[in-house]
Amino acid sequence: MELTLTFKSRLFEHCKNEIERRIANFQYAMLDAQESANSEDKSSAGDKYETGRAMSQIARDMNAKQLQAAKLELSNLLLINPTAAYIKAQKGALVQTSSNQTIFIATSIGVIEFDGFKIAVVSPEAPIAQAILNKGIGDEISIAQKKSTISIIL
């Protein structure tokens, strides 16, 4: 498969769905932890009860933080126009290098498999994005001490 704007739009939707799935999982885990805390039976061993409630509260708080981070990731992703084509690597660009690395500068999802491509979906602040930002087709880049050139920007 070749990289096209249609491919980039489908990749964008895939990333959006992945983040929405994460949000749903964090919401469920947060509610589950809250229900667990609320349903702790008060026993004659009060410390055991308090410890269980505290652990459930910690789990709920951790999931709440991850939920907020995922919501921020989604809002950052939604600022991108997936049908826009770029001349230089920037937020929203899909970049392929001469060493066949494919990078979508969008949000922090990590490396994913999509339509036979291994794609690094990274935020503009990620080191790999910093190495290619504002570079154009044919520009030399260095990622993980390996030199290559940018061959495609969408």
N, C-alpha and C. Protein backbone atom coordinates (compact mmCIF):
# COMPACT_ATOMS: atom_id res chain seq x y z
N MET A 1 0.84 -1.19 0.00
CA MET A 1 0.00 0.00 0.00
C MET A 1 0.89 1.24 0.00
N GLU A 2 0.41 2.25 -0.66
CA GLU A 2 1.18 3.49 -0.77
C GLU A 2 0.57 4.55 0.14
N LEU A 3 1.42 5.46 0.59
CA LEU A 3 0.95 6.53 1.46
C LEU A 3 0.24 7.60 0.64
N THR A 4 -1.01 7.87 1.00
CA THR A 4 -1.83 8.87 0.32
C THR A 4 -2.58 9.67 1.38
N LEU A 5 -3.24 10.73 0.95
CA LEU A 5 -4.06 11.49 1.89
C LEU A 5 -5.22 10.65 2.42
N THR A 6 -5.74 9.76 1.60
CA THR A 6 -6.80 8.85 2.05
C THR A 6 -6.27 7.94 3.15
N PHE A 7 -5.05 7.41 2.96
CA PHE A 7 -4.41 6.58 3.97
C PHE A 7 -4.26 7.38 5.26
N LYS A 8 -3.78 8.63 5.14
CA LYS A 8 -3.57 9.47 6.33
C LYS A 8 -4.89 9.72 7.05
N SER A 9 -5.96 9.94 6.31
CA SER A 9 -7.28 10.15 6.93
C SER A 9 -7.74 8.91 7.69
N ARG A 10 -7.51 7.74 7.10
CA ARG A 10 -7.89 6.49 7.77
C ARG A 10 -7.01 6.27 9.01
N LEU A 11 -5.72 6.62 8.92
CA LEU A 11 -4.82 6.52 10.07
C LEU A 11 -5.29 7.44 11.18
N PHE A 12 -5.67 8.65 10.83
CA PHE A 12 -6.20 9.61 11.79
C PHE A 12 -7.40 9.02 12.53
N GLU A 13 -8.34 8.44 11.79
CA GLU A 13 -9.53 7.82 12.40
C GLU A 13 -9.14 6.67 13.32
N HIS A 14 -8.16 5.88 12.89
CA HIS A 14 -7.68 4.77 13.71
C HIS A 14 -7.12 5.30 15.03
N CYS A 15 -6.32 6.36 14.96
CA CYS A 15 -5.73 6.95 16.17
C CYS A 15 -6.83 7.52 17.07
N LYS A 16 -7.80 8.18 16.47
CA LYS A 16 -8.93 8.73 17.23
C LYS A 16 -9.68 7.62 17.95
N ASN A 17 -9.95 6.53 17.24
CA ASN A 17 -10.64 5.39 17.85
C ASN A 17 -9.82 4.77 18.98
N GLU A 18 -8.51 4.69 18.80
CA GLU A 18 -7.63 4.13 19.84
C GLU A 18 -7.69 4.98 21.11
N ILE A 19 -7.63 6.29 20.96
CA ILE A 19 -7.69 7.17 22.13
C ILE A 19 -9.07 7.10 22.77
N GLU A 20 -10.12 7.06 21.98
CA GLU A 20 -11.47 6.93 22.54
C GLU A 20 -11.63 5.62 23.29
N ARG A 21 -11.01 4.55 22.80
CA ARG A 21 -11.04 3.26 23.50
C ARG A 21 -10.33 3.38 24.84
N ARG A 22 -9.18 4.06 24.84
CA ARG A 22 -8.44 4.26 26.09
C ARG A 22 -9.28 5.06 27.09
N ILE A 23 -9.94 6.11 26.61
CA ILE A 23 -10.80 6.93 27.48
C ILE A 23 -11.88 6.07 28.11
N ALA A 24 -12.54 5.25 27.31
CA ALA A 24 -13.59 4.37 27.83
C ALA A 24 -13.04 3.40 28.87
N ASN A 25 -11.85 2.86 28.61
CA ASN A 25 -11.23 1.92 29.57
C ASN A 25 -10.90 2.62 30.89
N PHE A 26 -10.36 3.84 30.81
CA PHE A 26 -10.02 4.57 32.04
C PHE A 26 -11.28 4.95 32.81
N GLN A 27 -12.34 5.32 32.09
CA GLN A 27 -13.60 5.65 32.76
C GLN A 27 -14.15 4.43 33.48
N TYR A 28 -14.12 3.29 32.81
CA TYR A 28 -14.61 2.06 33.42
C TYR A 28 -13.77 1.69 34.64
N ALA A 29 -12.44 1.77 34.50
CA ALA A 29 -11.55 1.41 35.61
C ALA A 29 -11.73 2.36 36.80
N MET A 30 -11.97 3.62 36.50
CA MET A 30 -12.18 4.61 37.55
C MET A 30 -13.49 4.32 38.31
N LEU A 31 -14.54 4.04 37.57
CA LEU A 31 -15.82 3.71 38.20
C LEU A 31 -15.73 2.41 38.99
N ASP A 32 -15.01 1.44 38.44
CA ASP A 32 -14.83 0.16 39.11
C ASP A 32 -14.10 0.35 40.44
N ALA A 33 -13.06 1.17 40.43
CA ALA A 33 -12.30 1.44 41.65
C ALA A 33 -13.17 2.17 42.67
N GLN A 34 -14.00 3.10 42.19
CA GLN A 34 -14.89 3.83 43.10
C GLN A 34 -15.92 2.89 43.72
N GLU A 35 -16.50 2.02 42.90
CA GLU A 35 -17.47 1.05 43.41
C GLU A 35 -16.81 0.12 44.42
N SER A 36 -15.58 -0.25 44.14
CA SER A 36 -14.85 -1.13 45.06
C SER A 36 -14.65 -0.44 46.40
N ALA A 37 -14.30 0.84 46.36
CA ALA A 37 -14.11 1.60 47.60
C ALA A 37 -15.42 1.73 48.36
N ASN A 38 -16.48 1.98 47.62
CA ASN A 38 -17.79 2.17 48.26
C ASN A 38 -18.35 0.88 48.84
N SER A 39 -17.96 -0.26 48.28
CA SER A 39 -18.53 -1.52 48.73
C SER A 39 -17.65 -2.24 49.75
N GLU A 40 -16.53 -1.64 50.15
CA GLU A 40 -15.69 -2.27 51.18
C GLU A 40 -16.54 -2.45 52.44
N ASP A 41 -16.59 -3.66 52.94
CA ASP A 41 -17.33 -3.93 54.17
C ASP A 41 -16.50 -3.48 55.37
N LYS A 42 -17.16 -2.78 56.25
CA LYS A 42 -16.48 -2.39 57.47
C LYS A 42 -16.42 -3.63 58.36
N SER A 43 -15.20 -4.00 58.68
CA SER A 43 -15.04 -5.19 59.51
C SER A 43 -14.57 -4.78 60.90
N SER A 44 -14.46 -5.76 61.74
CA SER A 44 -13.97 -5.47 63.09
C SER A 44 -12.51 -5.03 63.04
N ALA A 45 -11.83 -5.43 61.98
CA ALA A 45 -10.46 -4.98 61.79
C ALA A 45 -10.52 -3.70 60.96
N GLY A 46 -10.68 -2.57 61.62
CA GLY A 46 -10.86 -1.28 60.96
C GLY A 46 -9.73 -0.91 60.04
N ASP A 47 -8.49 -1.29 60.40
CA ASP A 47 -7.34 -0.94 59.56
C ASP A 47 -7.45 -1.60 58.19
N LYS A 48 -7.94 -2.85 58.18
CA LYS A 48 -8.08 -3.57 56.90
C LYS A 48 -9.08 -2.84 56.02
N TYR A 49 -10.16 -2.39 56.60
CA TYR A 49 -11.19 -1.65 55.87
C TYR A 49 -10.60 -0.35 55.31
N GLU A 50 -9.90 0.40 56.14
CA GLU A 50 -9.33 1.67 55.72
C GLU A 50 -8.26 1.47 54.64
N THR A 51 -7.46 0.42 54.77
CA THR A 51 -6.43 0.13 53.77
C THR A 51 -7.07 -0.20 52.43
N GLY A 52 -8.11 -1.00 52.45
CA GLY A 52 -8.81 -1.35 51.20
C GLY A 52 -9.41 -0.13 50.53
N ARG A 53 -10.03 0.73 51.34
CA ARG A 53 -10.61 1.96 50.79
C ARG A 53 -9.52 2.87 50.24
N ALA A 54 -8.41 2.98 50.93
CA ALA A 54 -7.31 3.84 50.48
C ALA A 54 -6.73 3.32 49.16
N MET A 55 -6.56 2.01 49.07
CA MET A 55 -6.03 1.44 47.82
C MET A 55 -6.99 1.66 46.66
N SER A 56 -8.28 1.53 46.91
CA SER A 56 -9.27 1.78 45.87
C SER A 56 -9.25 3.24 45.44
N GLN A 57 -9.07 4.13 46.42
CA GLN A 57 -9.01 5.57 46.11
C GLN A 57 -7.76 5.89 45.29
N ILE A 58 -6.64 5.27 45.60
CA ILE A 58 -5.41 5.46 44.83
C ILE A 58 -5.60 4.99 43.39
N ALA A 59 -6.24 3.83 43.23
CA ALA A 59 -6.50 3.30 41.89
C ALA A 59 -7.43 4.24 41.13
N ARG A 60 -8.45 4.76 41.80
CA ARG A 60 -9.37 5.69 41.16
C ARG A 60 -8.64 6.95 40.73
N ASP A 61 -7.80 7.51 41.60
CA ASP A 61 -7.06 8.73 41.28
C ASP A 61 -6.10 8.51 40.11
N MET A 62 -5.43 7.36 40.09
CA MET A 62 -4.50 7.04 39.00
C MET A 62 -5.26 6.98 37.67
N ASN A 63 -6.41 6.31 37.68
CA ASN A 63 -7.21 6.23 36.46
C ASN A 63 -7.77 7.59 36.06
N ALA A 64 -8.09 8.42 37.02
CA ALA A 64 -8.58 9.77 36.72
C ALA A 64 -7.49 10.59 36.02
N LYS A 65 -6.25 10.46 36.48
CA LYS A 65 -5.13 11.18 35.84
C LYS A 65 -4.92 10.67 34.42
N GLN A 66 -4.97 9.36 34.25
CA GLN A 66 -4.78 8.79 32.91
C GLN A 66 -5.95 9.17 32.00
N LEU A 67 -7.14 9.26 32.55
CA LEU A 67 -8.31 9.68 31.79
C LEU A 67 -8.12 11.11 31.30
N GLN A 68 -7.68 12.00 32.19
CA GLN A 68 -7.46 13.39 31.81
C GLN A 68 -6.40 13.49 30.72
N ALA A 69 -5.32 12.72 30.84
CA ALA A 69 -4.26 12.73 29.84
C ALA A 69 -4.78 12.24 28.49
N ALA A 70 -5.60 11.21 28.50
CA ALA A 70 -6.17 10.68 27.25
C ALA A 70 -7.12 11.69 26.62
N LYS A 71 -7.89 12.39 27.43
CA LYS A 71 -8.79 13.42 26.90
C LYS A 71 -8.00 14.56 26.27
N LEU A 72 -6.88 14.92 26.88
CA LEU A 72 -6.00 15.95 26.31
C LEU A 72 -5.40 15.47 24.99
N GLU A 73 -4.98 14.21 24.95
CA GLU A 73 -4.46 13.63 23.70
C GLU A 73 -5.51 13.70 22.60
N LEU A 74 -6.75 13.37 22.94
CA LEU A 74 -7.82 13.40 21.94
C LEU A 74 -8.06 14.84 21.47
N SER A 75 -8.10 15.78 22.39
CA SER A 75 -8.35 17.17 21.98
C SER A 75 -7.20 17.68 21.10
N ASN A 76 -5.96 17.28 21.39
CA ASN A 76 -4.83 17.67 20.54
C ASN A 76 -4.94 17.03 19.16
N LEU A 77 -5.35 15.78 19.12
CA LEU A 77 -5.50 15.09 17.84
C LEU A 77 -6.57 15.75 16.99
N LEU A 78 -7.67 16.14 17.62
CA LEU A 78 -8.78 16.72 16.88
C LEU A 78 -8.47 18.10 16.30
N LEU A 79 -7.35 18.69 16.69
CA LEU A 79 -6.91 19.97 16.11
C LEU A 79 -6.29 19.78 14.72
N ILE A 80 -6.01 18.53 14.37
CA ILE A 80 -5.36 18.21 13.10
C ILE A 80 -6.40 18.06 12.00
N ASN A 81 -6.05 18.58 10.83
CA ASN A 81 -6.87 18.36 9.63
C ASN A 81 -6.24 17.20 8.87
N PRO A 82 -6.84 16.01 8.93
CA PRO A 82 -6.20 14.84 8.32
C PRO A 82 -6.15 14.89 6.79
N THR A 83 -6.89 15.79 6.17
CA THR A 83 -6.88 15.87 4.71
C THR A 83 -5.89 16.90 4.19
N ALA A 84 -5.22 17.61 5.09
CA ALA A 84 -4.24 18.62 4.67
C ALA A 84 -2.93 17.95 4.27
N ALA A 85 -2.33 18.49 3.22
CA ALA A 85 -1.00 18.03 2.78
C ALA A 85 0.01 19.10 3.18
N TYR A 86 1.20 18.67 3.53
CA TYR A 86 2.23 19.59 4.01
C TYR A 86 3.47 19.55 3.12
N ILE A 87 4.19 20.64 3.11
CA ILE A 87 5.47 20.73 2.40
C ILE A 87 6.61 20.44 3.36
N LYS A 88 6.42 20.82 4.62
CA LYS A 88 7.41 20.60 5.67
C LYS A 88 6.79 19.72 6.76
N ALA A 89 7.64 19.00 7.46
CA ALA A 89 7.18 18.17 8.57
C ALA A 89 6.70 19.08 9.69
N GLN A 90 5.46 18.88 10.10
CA GLN A 90 4.87 19.65 11.20
C GLN A 90 3.73 18.84 11.80
N LYS A 91 3.10 19.41 12.84
CA LYS A 91 1.98 18.70 13.46
C LYS A 91 0.92 18.42 12.42
N GLY A 92 0.51 17.16 12.32
CA GLY A 92 -0.48 16.74 11.35
C GLY A 92 0.13 16.07 10.13
N ALA A 93 1.45 16.12 10.01
CA ALA A 93 2.12 15.54 8.84
C ALA A 93 2.40 14.06 9.04
N LEU A 94 2.27 13.34 7.94
CA LEU A 94 2.67 11.93 7.88
C LEU A 94 3.96 11.92 7.07
N VAL A 95 5.03 11.41 7.68
CA VAL A 95 6.36 11.49 7.09
C VAL A 95 6.93 10.09 6.91
N GLN A 96 7.56 9.86 5.76
CA GLN A 96 8.28 8.60 5.55
C GLN A 96 9.71 8.95 5.18
N THR A 97 10.65 8.19 5.73
CA THR A 97 12.06 8.43 5.48
C THR A 97 12.60 7.42 4.48
N SER A 98 13.81 7.70 4.01
CA SER A 98 14.46 6.79 3.06
C SER A 98 14.77 5.44 3.69
N SER A 99 14.79 5.38 5.02
CA SER A 99 15.00 4.10 5.71
C SER A 99 13.67 3.44 6.08
N ASN A 100 12.59 3.86 5.40
CA ASN A 100 11.25 3.31 5.57
C ASN A 100 10.66 3.48 6.96
N GLN A 101 11.09 4.49 7.69
CA GLN A 101 10.42 4.83 8.94
C GLN A 101 9.22 5.70 8.58
N THR A 102 8.08 5.39 9.16
CA THR A 102 6.88 6.19 8.93
C THR A 102 6.47 6.81 10.26
N ILE A 103 6.30 8.13 10.24
CA ILE A 103 6.03 8.88 11.46
C ILE A 103 4.83 9.78 11.24
N PHE A 104 3.86 9.69 12.14
CA PHE A 104 2.70 10.58 12.11
C PHE A 104 2.83 11.52 13.28
N ILE A 105 3.06 12.80 12.99
CA ILE A 105 3.23 13.80 14.05
C ILE A 105 1.84 14.27 14.46
N ALA A 106 1.36 13.70 15.55
CA ALA A 106 -0.02 13.96 15.95
C ALA A 106 -0.18 14.00 17.47
N THR A 107 -0.02 12.86 18.10
CA THR A 107 -0.24 12.72 19.53
C THR A 107 0.53 11.50 20.02
N SER A 108 0.69 11.36 21.29
CA SER A 108 1.52 10.28 21.85
C SER A 108 0.76 8.96 21.96
N ILE A 109 0.78 8.20 20.90
CA ILE A 109 0.19 6.86 20.95
C ILE A 109 1.30 5.81 20.96
N GLY A 110 2.37 6.08 20.27
CA GLY A 110 3.47 5.12 20.19
C GLY A 110 3.47 4.44 18.83
N VAL A 111 4.18 3.34 18.76
CA VAL A 111 4.30 2.60 17.50
C VAL A 111 3.09 1.69 17.34
N ILE A 112 2.46 1.78 16.18
CA ILE A 112 1.29 0.95 15.88
C ILE A 112 1.50 0.26 14.54
N GLU A 113 0.76 -0.81 14.34
CA GLU A 113 0.70 -1.49 13.03
C GLU A 113 -0.59 -1.04 12.39
N PHE A 114 -0.50 -0.54 11.16
CA PHE A 114 -1.69 -0.09 10.46
C PHE A 114 -1.52 -0.34 8.97
N ASP A 115 -2.40 -1.14 8.41
CA ASP A 115 -2.38 -1.46 6.97
C ASP A 115 -1.01 -1.90 6.47
N GLY A 116 -0.34 -2.73 7.24
CA GLY A 116 0.95 -3.25 6.83
C GLY A 116 2.12 -2.31 7.09
N PHE A 117 1.86 -1.16 7.68
CA PHE A 117 2.92 -0.21 8.01
C PHE A 117 3.14 -0.21 9.52
N LYS A 118 4.36 -0.07 9.92
CA LYS A 118 4.71 0.16 11.31
C LYS A 118 4.89 1.68 11.41
N ILE A 119 4.01 2.33 12.16
CA ILE A 119 3.98 3.79 12.20
C ILE A 119 4.19 4.28 13.63
N ALA A 120 5.13 5.22 13.78
CA ALA A 120 5.33 5.87 15.07
C ALA A 120 4.39 7.07 15.11
N VAL A 121 3.39 7.01 15.99
CA VAL A 121 2.46 8.12 16.17
C VAL A 121 2.96 8.89 17.38
N VAL A 122 3.51 10.07 17.12
CA VAL A 122 4.20 10.82 18.17
C VAL A 122 3.68 12.25 18.27
N SER A 123 3.86 12.84 19.44
CA SER A 123 3.50 14.24 19.62
C SER A 123 4.62 15.10 19.03
N PRO A 124 4.32 16.35 18.72
CA PRO A 124 5.36 17.24 18.19
C PRO A 124 6.53 17.44 19.16
N GLU A 125 6.31 17.19 20.44
CA GLU A 125 7.35 17.37 21.44
C GLU A 125 8.29 16.17 21.55
N ALA A 126 7.93 15.05 20.95
CA ALA A 126 8.74 13.83 21.04
C ALA A 126 10.08 14.04 20.31
N PRO A 127 11.14 13.42 20.81
CA PRO A 127 12.46 13.58 20.18
C PRO A 127 12.48 13.23 18.69
N ILE A 128 11.76 12.19 18.30
CA ILE A 128 11.74 11.81 16.89
C ILE A 128 11.08 12.91 16.05
N ALA A 129 10.02 13.53 16.58
CA ALA A 129 9.37 14.63 15.86
C ALA A 129 10.29 15.85 15.81
N GLN A 130 10.97 16.12 16.92
CA GLN A 130 11.88 17.26 16.96
C GLN A 130 12.98 17.12 15.90
N ALA A 131 13.38 15.89 15.63
CA ALA A 131 14.45 15.65 14.64
C ALA A 131 13.99 15.94 13.21
N ILE A 132 12.68 15.93 12.97
CA ILE A 132 12.21 16.11 11.59
C ILE A 132 11.36 17.37 11.38
N LEU A 133 10.95 18.03 12.46
CA LEU A 133 10.10 19.21 12.31
C LEU A 133 10.76 20.26 11.41
N ASN A 134 9.94 20.85 10.57
CA ASN A 134 10.35 21.91 9.63
C ASN A 134 11.33 21.46 8.56
N LYS A 135 11.49 20.16 8.39
CA LYS A 135 12.32 19.62 7.31
C LYS A 135 11.42 19.29 6.13
N GLY A 136 12.00 19.33 4.94
CA GLY A 136 11.24 19.04 3.73
C GLY A 136 11.73 17.78 3.05
N ILE A 137 11.06 17.43 1.96
CA ILE A 137 11.45 16.25 1.19
C ILE A 137 12.89 16.44 0.70
N GLY A 138 13.69 15.40 0.88
CA GLY A 138 15.10 15.42 0.49
C GLY A 138 16.04 15.90 1.57
N ASP A 139 15.51 16.48 2.64
CA ASP A 139 16.36 16.94 3.75
C ASP A 139 16.90 15.75 4.52
N GLU A 140 18.15 15.87 4.93
CA GLU A 140 18.78 14.81 5.72
C GLU A 140 18.36 14.97 7.17
N ILE A 141 18.08 13.84 7.81
CA ILE A 141 17.71 13.83 9.22
C ILE A 141 18.51 12.74 9.94
N SER A 142 18.54 12.84 11.25
CA SER A 142 19.22 11.83 12.05
C SER A 142 18.27 11.40 13.17
N ILE A 143 17.88 10.13 13.12
CA ILE A 143 17.00 9.57 14.15
C ILE A 143 17.73 8.38 14.76
N ALA A 144 17.90 8.44 16.08
CA ALA A 144 18.61 7.38 16.81
C ALA A 144 19.99 7.13 16.18
N GLN A 145 20.67 8.20 15.90
CA GLN A 145 22.02 8.19 15.32
C GLN A 145 22.10 7.50 13.97
N LYS A 146 20.97 7.39 13.29
CA LYS A 146 20.95 6.84 11.94
C LYS A 146 20.53 7.95 11.00
N LYS A 147 21.32 8.17 9.98
CA LYS A 147 21.01 9.22 9.02
C LYS A 147 20.15 8.68 7.89
N SER A 148 19.19 9.48 7.48
CA SER A 148 18.36 9.15 6.32
C SER A 148 17.83 10.48 5.79
N THR A 149 16.99 10.39 4.76
CA THR A 149 16.37 11.60 4.23
C THR A 149 14.86 11.43 4.24
N ILE A 150 14.18 12.56 4.20
CA ILE A 150 12.73 12.52 4.13
C ILE A 150 12.33 12.27 2.69
N SER A 151 11.53 11.24 2.48
CA SER A 151 11.13 10.90 1.12
C SER A 151 9.68 11.27 0.81
N ILE A 152 8.81 11.28 1.83
CA ILE A 152 7.40 11.61 1.62
C ILE A 152 6.91 12.45 2.80
N ILE A 153 6.15 13.49 2.48
CA ILE A 153 5.44 14.26 3.51
C ILE A 153 4.01 14.44 3.02
N LEU A 154 3.06 14.05 3.85
CA LEU A 154 1.64 14.25 3.54
C LEU A 154 0.99 15.05 4.66
